Structure formats: structure tokens, C-alpha cells
Protein backbone atom coordinates (compact mmCIF):
# COMPACT_ATOMS: atom_id res chain seq x y z
CA MET A 1 -0.12 -0.20 -0.11
CA GLU A 2 2.79 2.49 -0.83
CA ILE A 3 5.00 3.93 -3.49
CA LYS A 4 8.44 1.83 -3.64
CA TYR A 5 11.08 1.71 -6.57
CA THR A 6 14.29 -0.31 -7.78
CA ASN A 7 17.17 0.81 -9.58
CA PHE A 8 17.47 -2.54 -11.60
CA ASP A 9 15.41 -3.16 -14.68
CA VAL A 10 12.67 -5.70 -14.96
CA ASP A 11 12.25 -8.60 -16.98
CA PRO A 12 11.98 -7.00 -20.86
CA LYS A 13 9.93 -9.90 -21.84
CA VAL A 14 7.28 -8.95 -19.48
CA PHE A 15 7.63 -5.36 -19.45
CA PRO A 16 9.17 -4.46 -22.60
CA LYS A 17 8.73 -0.70 -22.70
CA GLU A 18 8.70 2.40 -20.66
CA GLN A 19 4.88 2.99 -19.96
CA VAL A 20 2.13 2.02 -17.18
CA TYR A 21 1.51 -1.58 -16.42
CA GLY A 22 -1.57 -2.50 -14.70
CA ILE A 23 -1.29 -5.75 -12.67
CA ILE A 24 -4.01 -7.77 -11.13
CA ASP A 25 -2.53 -10.34 -8.88
CA SER A 26 -4.87 -11.88 -5.89
CA SER A 27 -2.05 -13.26 -3.96
CA SER A 28 0.46 -10.22 -4.33
CA ASN A 29 3.44 -12.37 -4.58
CA TYR A 30 4.38 -12.27 -8.27
CA VAL A 31 5.92 -8.63 -8.28
CA TYR A 32 8.06 -9.36 -5.08
CA GLU A 33 9.27 -12.48 -6.51
CA ASN A 34 10.11 -11.19 -9.81
CA ILE A 35 11.26 -7.62 -9.11
CA TYR A 36 14.69 -7.18 -7.25
CA GLY A 37 16.22 -4.45 -5.34
CA VAL A 38 12.88 -2.89 -4.20
CA GLU A 39 13.09 0.12 -1.76
CA ARG A 40 11.23 2.44 0.15
CA ILE A 41 11.34 6.20 -0.44
CA SER A 42 13.36 7.49 2.89
CA LEU A 43 11.85 10.62 4.26
CA PRO A 44 13.88 13.54 5.96
CA LYS A 45 13.16 14.32 9.83
CA PHE A 46 13.07 18.16 9.07
CA SER A 47 12.52 19.34 5.61
CA SER A 48 9.77 21.12 3.85
CA ALA A 49 7.95 19.58 0.76
CA LYS A 50 9.47 21.83 -1.74
CA ARG A 51 13.00 21.16 -0.57
CA PHE A 52 12.50 17.57 -0.48
CA LEU A 53 11.46 17.56 -4.17
CA GLN A 54 14.40 20.09 -4.89
CA GLN A 55 17.24 17.79 -3.44
CA LYS A 56 19.17 15.84 -6.14
CA THR A 57 16.75 17.23 -8.80
CA THR A 58 18.56 18.53 -11.87
CA ASP A 59 15.69 19.22 -14.24
CA LYS A 60 14.12 22.03 -12.45
CA LYS A 61 11.65 22.73 -15.38
CA LEU A 62 10.23 19.34 -15.07
CA LEU A 63 9.80 19.67 -11.60
CA GLU A 64 7.80 22.75 -11.91
CA SER A 65 5.68 21.07 -14.61
CA LEU A 66 4.95 18.23 -12.36
CA ILE A 67 4.23 20.34 -9.48
CA GLU A 68 1.61 22.11 -11.50
CA GLU A 69 0.39 18.73 -12.91
CA PHE A 70 -0.27 17.71 -9.31
CA GLU A 71 -1.78 21.09 -7.95
CA PHE A 72 0.49 21.25 -5.37
CA SER A 73 -0.17 24.80 -3.83
CA LYS A 74 2.73 27.08 -2.42
CA GLU A 75 1.50 26.53 1.10
CA LEU A 76 1.56 22.71 0.64
CA LEU A 77 5.03 22.98 -0.49
CA LYS A 78 6.06 24.91 2.62
CA LYS A 79 4.66 22.17 4.97
CA GLN A 80 7.30 19.68 6.57
CA VAL A 81 7.03 16.44 4.64
CA ARG A 82 6.11 14.35 7.73
CA SER A 83 3.14 16.67 8.58
CA LEU A 84 1.42 16.00 5.14
CA SER A 85 -1.62 13.76 4.93
CA SER A 86 -1.27 10.31 3.65
CA SER A 87 -2.65 11.30 0.21
CA GLU A 88 -0.34 14.32 0.07
CA LEU A 89 2.72 12.04 1.04
CA GLU A 90 1.87 9.51 -1.55
CA LYS A 91 1.60 12.07 -4.40
CA MET A 92 4.54 13.80 -3.03
CA MET A 93 6.74 10.42 -2.93
CA PHE A 94 5.52 9.36 -6.43
CA LEU A 95 6.68 13.08 -7.77
CA LYS A 96 10.13 12.52 -6.10
CA VAL A 97 10.76 8.95 -7.32
CA LEU A 98 9.70 9.86 -10.92
CA LEU A 99 12.31 12.55 -10.86
CA SER A 100 15.05 10.12 -9.36
CA ASP A 101 17.37 7.64 -11.30
CA ALA A 102 15.16 4.90 -10.50
CA LYS A 103 14.66 2.48 -13.32
CA THR A 104 11.11 1.02 -12.08
CA ILE A 105 8.30 2.46 -9.89
CA LEU A 106 6.24 0.08 -8.36
CA LEU A 107 2.54 1.62 -7.18
CA ASP A 108 1.85 -1.56 -4.70
CA ASN A 109 -2.02 -1.26 -4.11
CA ILE A 110 -1.96 2.71 -3.73
CA ASP A 111 -5.86 2.48 -4.47
CA MET A 112 -5.94 1.24 -0.82
CA VAL A 113 -4.80 4.53 0.43
CA LEU A 114 -5.73 7.18 -2.13
CA ASN A 115 -9.26 8.45 -3.14
CA TYR A 116 -10.38 7.65 -6.72
CA ARG A 117 -9.40 11.38 -7.72
CA ASP A 118 -5.92 11.22 -6.39
CA LEU A 119 -5.37 7.72 -8.06
CA LEU A 120 -6.27 8.74 -11.18
CA LEU A 121 -4.10 11.76 -11.27
CA ILE A 122 -0.95 9.65 -10.37
CA LEU A 123 -1.95 7.15 -13.08
CA LYS A 124 -2.67 9.90 -15.64
CA THR A 125 0.72 11.55 -14.82
CA SER A 126 2.35 8.14 -15.02
CA GLN A 127 1.05 7.57 -18.39
CA LYS A 128 1.97 11.12 -19.57
CA TYR A 129 5.59 11.11 -18.04
CA ALA A 130 6.80 7.35 -18.19
CA ALA A 131 8.93 7.44 -21.29
CA LYS A 132 9.87 11.14 -20.71
CA CYS A 133 11.19 10.27 -17.52
CA SER A 134 12.54 6.82 -18.54
CA LYS A 135 10.46 4.61 -16.08
CA LYS A 136 8.71 1.49 -16.19
CA ILE A 137 5.68 1.98 -13.87
CA ILE A 138 4.13 -1.06 -12.32
CA TYR A 139 0.68 -0.46 -10.59
CA THR A 140 -0.66 -3.60 -8.89
CA THR A 141 -4.36 -3.64 -7.25
CA CYS A 142 -6.90 -6.18 -6.25
CA SER A 143 -9.77 -4.23 -8.12
CA PRO A 144 -10.00 -4.91 -11.67
CA ASP A 145 -12.31 -1.57 -12.01
CA ASN A 146 -9.22 0.66 -10.95
CA LEU A 147 -7.26 -0.71 -14.04
CA LEU A 148 -9.69 0.79 -16.34
CA LYS A 149 -8.17 4.14 -16.77
CA HIS A 150 -4.65 5.31 -17.91
CA ILE A 151 -3.03 2.10 -18.12
CA ASP A 152 -0.98 0.83 -21.51
CA HIS A 153 -0.69 -2.80 -20.70
CA TYR A 154 -2.59 -5.30 -18.48
CA ILE A 155 -1.25 -8.25 -16.82
CA VAL A 156 -3.50 -10.72 -14.89
CA ILE A 157 -1.58 -13.10 -12.46
CA GLU A 158 -3.22 -16.34 -11.11
CA ASN A 159 -1.35 -18.87 -8.91
CA GLU A 160 2.02 -16.97 -9.73
CA LEU A 161 1.50 -17.65 -13.26
CA ILE A 162 0.72 -14.94 -16.01
CA THR A 163 -2.63 -15.67 -17.42
CA TYR A 164 -3.25 -12.50 -19.61
CA SER A 165 -0.70 -10.07 -20.83
CA GLY A 166 -2.12 -7.22 -23.27
CA LYS A 167 -3.50 -4.10 -24.26
CA ASP A 168 -7.11 -5.20 -25.03
CA ILE A 169 -9.30 -4.67 -22.00
CA ARG A 170 -12.19 -6.60 -23.88
CA LYS A 171 -9.87 -9.92 -23.46
CA LEU A 172 -9.24 -9.20 -19.60
CA PRO A 173 -10.11 -12.63 -17.92
CA VAL A 174 -11.66 -10.70 -15.07
CA ASP A 175 -14.61 -8.95 -14.66
CA THR A 176 -15.19 -5.39 -14.00
CA GLU A 177 -18.39 -3.67 -13.36
CA LEU A 178 -18.50 -1.84 -16.61
CA LYS A 179 -17.90 -5.31 -18.55
CA SER A 180 -20.38 -7.13 -16.53
CA PHE A 181 -23.11 -4.51 -17.26
CA VAL A 182 -22.35 -4.63 -21.05
CA ASP A 183 -22.38 -8.62 -20.92
CA LYS A 184 -25.94 -8.52 -19.28
CA ALA A 185 -27.06 -5.70 -21.87
CA ASN A 186 -25.67 -7.50 -24.73
CA LYS A 187 -27.60 -10.81 -23.54
CA LYS A 188 -30.85 -8.82 -23.82
CA GLY A 189 -29.51 -7.86 -27.41
CA ALA A 190 -27.93 -4.27 -26.70
CA LYS A 191 -24.83 -5.08 -28.90
CA LEU A 192 -22.70 -2.69 -26.94
CA ASP A 193 -18.72 -2.68 -26.62
CA TYR A 194 -16.59 -2.73 -23.88
CA TYR A 195 -15.33 0.82 -22.61
CA LYS A 196 -12.62 2.13 -19.91
CA ASP A 197 -15.03 5.09 -19.20
CA ILE A 198 -18.53 5.03 -17.99
CA ASN A 199 -19.26 8.32 -19.94
CA ASP A 200 -18.03 6.61 -23.03
CA LEU A 201 -20.46 3.50 -22.29
CA LEU A 202 -23.29 6.18 -21.61
CA LYS A 203 -22.85 7.95 -24.97
CA ALA A 204 -22.89 4.30 -26.65
CA ILE A 205 -26.13 3.43 -24.72
CA TYR A 206 -27.64 6.77 -26.01
CA ARG A 207 -26.47 6.29 -29.57
CA SER A 208 -28.16 2.80 -29.63
CA VAL A 209 -31.47 4.06 -28.44
CA LYS A 210 -31.47 7.25 -30.35
């Protein structure tokens, strides 16, 4: 339930590109048995959030872009790192490791500590900056519905074996709420496709009955 990293590259056969990988693994063992040198971000005892982000960061322009992306206010940046809320701290640590020399970022079930808006913000930023920051970003979750947005590649693990690896959400061997809804509607002749966004599904339903 936290953000971690490793300076080692991960298996290029499973994770070939610098992009966002969404993993569903009910056992939660696969990642830790196949990714080495996983470390936690160490927090300073006394440091403002802004100083924490600036330390060992050479690309100041990128830092400012990410601060704006995360909507970090001047007041928040003045706070001591250890006084931040759990949500603020998760976002701060993600930004910090995104700017680091780490090769792989592990978002370990962060949906258990973040609200949905902040989760999407981190995943959206991951997708936007993964290649630019030379990072492979791996997001693990037990909730298939939290894989619907801002994921480039899906991986499903069962009994510590990969049962699906690909980009097509329609082929995921697990049910999401949207997929279950579409399946039920199609059994009644709706002829709907699968969608990542409920708004896109609603538009499709509107078009089908118009």
C-alpha cells in the first residue's frame, strides 16, 4: 500500500517498454518474487516539501511542470514533509521517485490509501511522463475496476503465473463492473462494446436507443 522503486531493470519480456503496467494479482506475490532491489523512499526528519522535491533534482523545469500537474499549492510546498496527509505524502513520494534515477516505480495497491481522484491523477501522470522520465511504472491492485483508466498494458496473475498480458481490455479474464453491465445488456440484444470510461458507455447507450 505504498510507492516503492528499484534501480534494477525488470524482465523485458514481461515489461518491454517504459510505460504503465496494470497488474491484478490476488496473491500479491508475483511482483516481489520477480522484481529485485525494491526500496522505499526515505523521508527526511526536517524538510519542507519543496526542499525535499528539489534535493538531487537536476531538471528544475520538469519539477515545476509536475508540481503544476499535481496542483501542489505554495502553502503545501512550505509544509514539513512529515506533516503531510497520507494522500499528499503518496503524491509527493511519487513525484520524487519519478524525478529520480530509478528504473522502475512500483505503485503497490495505492488505491487502498488514495481516493479515486488522486489515484487517477497519479496514473494519468504516470502515463504522460513514463517514457519522458525513462521509467517502467507498475501499478498493482486487487480491484479490476481501478485498471480501467490510464493503463497501457494489462497483466493478470493467477497462482503466480501470468494468464493474460496485453493491451485489449475486452480480453481481460476478469470482470469489471462496466464489463459485467455490458455483458448483461448484450444478452438482451444491446450490442454494446466494452469501454474504459462510464461516460463513453453512456454515450454508446444513448446512440443505440436514439
